[in-house]
Protein backbone atom coordinates (compact mmCIF):
# COMPACT_ATOMS: atom_id res chain seq x y z
CA MET A 1 48.77 22.53 92.87
CA ASN A 2 49.58 20.21 89.96
CA ASN A 3 49.14 21.37 86.37
CA GLU A 4 46.06 19.24 85.72
CA LYS A 5 44.18 20.63 88.71
CA GLN A 6 45.28 24.18 87.93
CA THR A 7 43.98 23.80 84.36
CA LEU A 8 40.60 22.49 85.57
CA ASP A 9 40.21 25.18 88.25
CA SER A 10 40.98 27.90 85.70
CA PHE A 11 38.63 26.38 83.13
CA LEU A 12 35.72 26.18 85.59
CA LYS A 13 36.29 29.76 86.75
CA MET A 14 36.33 31.17 83.23
CA ASN A 15 33.52 29.01 81.84
CA PRO A 16 30.36 28.93 83.97
CA LEU A 17 28.59 26.79 81.38
CA ALA A 18 31.30 24.14 81.78
CA PHE A 19 30.64 24.17 85.51
CA GLU A 20 26.92 23.57 84.91
CA ILE A 21 27.53 20.80 82.39
CA ILE A 22 29.97 18.97 84.66
CA GLY A 23 27.58 19.27 87.60
CA LEU A 24 24.72 17.85 85.54
CA MET A 25 26.83 14.97 84.24
CA LEU A 26 28.08 14.09 87.72
CA ASN A 27 24.60 14.13 89.24
CA SER A 28 22.75 12.35 86.44
CA GLY A 29 24.28 8.94 87.05
CA LYS A 30 23.94 8.08 83.36
CA LYS A 31 25.32 8.96 79.95
CA LEU A 32 23.67 11.97 78.32
CA THR A 33 23.16 13.17 74.77
CA ILE A 34 23.88 16.78 73.84
CA THR A 35 20.12 17.31 73.44
CA GLU A 36 19.46 16.08 76.98
CA ILE A 37 22.18 18.36 78.36
CA SER A 38 20.98 21.39 76.38
CA ASN A 39 17.35 20.87 77.41
CA ALA A 40 18.17 20.32 81.07
CA LEU A 41 20.24 23.52 81.26
CA GLU A 42 18.04 25.48 78.83
CA ARG A 43 21.08 26.32 76.72
CA LYS A 44 21.79 26.36 72.98
CA GLN A 45 23.35 23.20 71.56
CA PRO A 46 26.29 24.93 69.79
CA SER A 47 27.45 26.46 73.09
CA VAL A 48 27.08 23.11 74.88
CA HIS A 49 28.93 21.32 72.07
CA ARG A 50 31.91 23.72 72.27
CA VAL A 51 32.24 23.16 76.01
CA LEU A 52 31.89 19.39 75.70
CA GLN A 53 34.61 19.32 73.05
CA ARG A 54 36.92 21.31 75.32
CA LEU A 55 36.19 18.91 78.21
CA ILE A 56 37.06 16.00 75.92
CA ASP A 57 40.31 17.71 74.91
CA LEU A 58 41.14 18.03 78.62
CA LYS A 59 40.25 14.32 79.10
CA LEU A 60 37.54 15.33 81.57
CA ALA A 61 34.74 13.91 79.44
CA GLU A 62 34.39 11.25 76.79
CA LYS A 63 31.86 10.52 74.07
CA GLU A 64 30.42 7.22 72.96
CA PRO A 65 28.59 6.86 69.61
CA ALA A 66 25.59 4.53 69.77
CA GLY A 67 23.59 4.25 66.58
CA LYS A 68 22.09 7.65 65.71
CA PHE A 69 23.10 9.15 69.06
CA THR A 70 26.31 10.22 70.77
CA TYR A 71 26.46 9.97 74.55
CA TYR A 72 28.71 11.98 76.84
CA THR A 73 29.97 11.02 80.26
CA ILE A 74 32.73 11.74 82.76
CA PRO A 75 35.36 8.96 82.98
CA ASP A 76 35.14 7.03 86.26
CA GLY A 77 38.79 7.77 87.00
CA LYS A 78 38.17 11.52 86.83
CA LYS A 79 35.00 11.84 88.93
CA GLU A 80 36.60 12.29 92.36
CA PHE A 81 39.22 14.64 90.94
CA ILE A 82 36.49 16.82 89.38
CA LYS A 83 34.36 16.73 92.53
CA ARG A 84 37.29 18.09 94.58
CA SER A 85 37.78 20.93 92.12
CA ILE A 86 34.07 21.79 92.15
CA HIS A 87 34.07 21.76 95.95
CA ALA A 88 37.01 24.20 95.99
CA GLN A 89 35.20 26.51 93.54
CA THR A 90 31.97 26.58 95.52
CA ARG A 91 33.22 26.64 99.11
CA VAL A 92 31.58 29.51 100.98
CA LYS A 93 31.26 30.65 104.57
CA ALA A 94 28.12 29.57 106.36
CA ASN A 95 26.92 33.14 106.99
CA ILE A 96 26.55 34.25 103.35
CA GLN A 97 24.20 33.37 100.51
CA PRO A 98 24.88 30.10 98.67
CA PRO A 99 26.43 30.42 95.21
CA LEU A 100 24.17 30.69 92.20
CA PHE A 101 25.27 27.33 90.83
CA MET A 102 22.86 25.76 93.33
CA LEU A 103 19.98 27.12 91.24
CA LEU A 104 18.94 25.55 87.92
CA SER A 105 21.58 27.62 86.17
CA ILE A 106 23.64 30.73 86.76
CA GLU A 107 21.65 32.65 84.17
CA SER A 108 18.30 31.75 85.70
CA GLY A 109 19.61 32.77 89.13
CA ILE A 110 20.67 36.22 87.96
CA SER A 111 17.37 36.65 86.09
CA ARG A 112 15.37 35.75 89.20
CA ILE A 113 17.27 38.13 91.49
CA LEU A 114 17.01 40.98 88.98
CA SER A 115 13.29 40.45 88.36
CA GLU A 116 12.38 40.19 92.04
CA SER A 117 14.41 43.29 92.92
CA LEU A 118 12.81 45.45 90.21
CA GLU A 119 9.28 44.21 90.86
CA LYS A 120 9.59 45.55 94.41
CA GLU A 121 10.01 49.00 92.87
CA ASP A 122 6.64 48.67 91.06
CA LEU A 123 8.26 48.29 87.65
CA THR A 124 6.68 46.02 85.07
CA VAL A 125 9.04 43.11 84.53
CA THR A 126 8.45 40.26 82.08
CA LYS A 127 10.59 37.38 80.84
CA ASN A 128 11.08 35.89 77.39
CA GLN A 129 8.39 38.04 75.81
CA PRO A 130 8.88 38.30 72.02
CA ILE A 131 9.79 41.75 70.71
CA ALA A 132 9.35 42.37 66.99
CA GLY A 133 12.43 43.42 65.06
CA LYS A 134 12.64 44.54 61.45
CA ASN A 135 12.92 40.96 60.22
CA PHE A 136 12.66 38.66 63.25
CA ASP A 137 11.12 38.34 66.69
CA HIS A 138 13.60 38.52 69.57
CA GLU A 139 13.37 37.16 73.10
CA PHE A 140 15.34 38.54 76.04
CA ASP A 141 15.85 37.17 79.54
CA VAL A 142 14.26 40.20 81.23
CA ILE A 143 12.19 43.09 79.82
CA ILE A 144 11.72 46.14 82.03
CA GLU A 145 9.03 48.72 81.38
CA GLY A 146 9.72 52.00 83.15
CA LYS A 147 10.48 55.51 81.97
CA ASN A 148 12.63 53.74 79.38
CA ARG A 149 12.19 50.25 77.97
CA ILE A 150 15.25 48.19 78.83
CA VAL A 151 15.92 44.58 77.91
CA VAL A 152 18.49 42.36 79.58
CA GLU A 153 20.35 39.45 77.99
CA ILE A 154 22.38 37.22 80.34
CA ILE A 155 25.16 35.28 78.63
CA SER A 156 27.68 32.74 79.92
CA ILE A 157 30.72 33.06 77.74
CA GLY A 158 34.26 31.72 77.57
CA ASP A 159 37.48 32.78 75.91
CA GLU A 160 36.65 30.97 72.66
CA ASP A 161 32.92 31.70 72.53
CA ASN A 162 33.02 34.67 70.17
CA GLN A 163 30.18 33.40 67.98
CA GLN A 164 27.73 34.81 70.51
CA LEU A 165 29.23 38.27 70.01
CA PHE A 166 28.42 38.19 66.31
CA GLU A 167 24.90 37.02 67.11
CA ILE A 168 24.50 40.02 69.42
CA ALA A 169 25.59 42.38 66.65
CA GLY A 170 23.04 40.84 64.30
CA ARG A 171 20.23 41.18 66.80
CA LEU A 172 21.17 44.76 67.55
CA ALA A 173 21.03 45.69 63.87
CA ASP A 174 17.55 44.14 63.56
CA LEU A 175 16.02 45.96 66.53
CA PRO A 176 14.76 49.53 66.08
CA LYS A 177 15.43 52.06 68.82
CA THR A 178 11.73 52.94 68.78
CA SER A 179 10.86 49.62 70.47
CA ILE A 180 13.81 49.37 72.89
CA ASN A 181 15.87 52.13 74.45
CA THR A 182 18.73 50.07 75.87
CA ILE A 183 20.03 46.52 75.68
CA VAL A 184 21.98 45.46 78.75
CA LEU A 185 24.35 42.54 78.23
CA VAL A 186 25.22 40.75 81.47
CA ILE A 187 28.23 38.61 80.56
CA VAL A 188 29.17 35.85 83.01
CA GLY A 189 32.73 34.67 82.54
CA HIS A 190 35.98 35.92 81.11
CA LEU A 191 35.94 38.13 78.03
CA HIS A 192 39.07 39.12 76.13
CA GLN A 193 39.74 42.86 76.04
CA SER A 194 39.47 42.81 72.24
CA SER A 195 36.01 41.21 72.46
CA LEU A 196 34.91 43.72 75.06
CA GLN A 197 36.10 46.57 72.87
CA TYR A 198 34.21 45.07 69.93
CA LEU A 199 30.97 45.18 71.92
CA LYS A 200 31.58 48.69 73.20
CA ASN A 201 32.19 49.93 69.67
CA LEU A 202 28.93 48.53 68.33
CA ASN A 203 27.16 51.69 67.21
CA ILE A 204 24.47 50.93 64.66
CA LYS A 205 22.38 53.83 63.43
CA GLY A 206 18.79 53.61 64.66
CA ALA A 207 19.57 50.69 66.99
CA PRO A 208 19.19 50.67 70.78
CA GLN A 209 22.01 51.78 73.06
CA ILE A 210 24.11 48.92 74.43
CA GLU A 211 25.40 48.65 78.02
CA ILE A 212 27.75 45.91 79.21
CA ILE A 213 28.09 44.36 82.67
CA ILE A 214 30.88 41.82 83.21
CA LEU A 215 30.75 39.24 86.01
CA ASP A 216 34.21 37.68 86.09
CA GLU A 217 34.12 36.40 89.66
CA THR A 218 34.65 32.85 90.87
CA LEU A 219 31.42 30.90 91.24
CA SER A 220 31.69 30.90 95.03
CA GLU A 221 31.49 34.71 94.97
CA MET A 222 28.28 34.83 92.94
CA ASN A 223 25.78 35.27 95.73
CA GLU A 224 22.68 37.45 95.86
CA LYS A 225 24.49 40.38 97.47
CA LEU A 226 27.04 40.55 94.62
CA ILE A 227 24.34 40.29 91.93
CA LYS A 228 22.37 43.14 93.48
CA ARG A 229 25.48 45.32 93.61
CA LYS A 230 26.95 44.55 90.19
CA VAL A 231 23.80 43.92 88.11
CA VAL A 232 20.69 45.30 89.78
CA ALA A 233 22.15 48.64 90.92
CA PRO A 234 23.55 49.68 87.48
CA ILE A 235 20.27 48.77 85.78
CA GLU A 236 18.31 50.76 88.34
CA LYS A 237 20.42 53.80 87.43
CA LEU A 238 19.57 53.36 83.76
CA LEU A 239 15.87 53.37 84.63
CA LYS A 240 16.01 56.76 86.33
């Protein structure tokens, strides 16, 4: 494996959002603005911008200013190379579930599997319902009403995406324990040990308990069976 391919394979494995962005750009057949990419993937623009900049640094994407807008695209000479790397990342045996990248996004796939699994247990499950904090309203990917009220936030994160960790700390400080018992962070991608320790040490008086689930598998491994084992099962235990 040459160095360029090894770098791309590693980058796609550690950055699920990069995988989604590249897939969208390859399939669109046209140049896209950061707003179009963010809206299509239902992701925040700062996260999309960081990934796009890294892709440009790796010469896997390029940007083209045009008046008030900046358009992003994959260079023609790189398309087949990228397609081969994506194929290697998503190759699965015919007798198992397809990888989650085939859904709208990895996050939406995990949210769907979690919600459907818990609804079968007669739990009340809602999505993106605002919860009032001390100063702001907060939305979470999944809200579970059982013996305890648990909210789930699903985050795709990369090595350099520490800004999201500070945002989590801010949200935690704003939420009273009286409205939420536990916040479960499902983190898709690689997280440095120091960042993981930072999250585990978040202990804010009067704030909800925080639980962390890390999904650091290759995209081809992220099928429904794995999500049920590594995400659904631990959350079910918290509900008991």
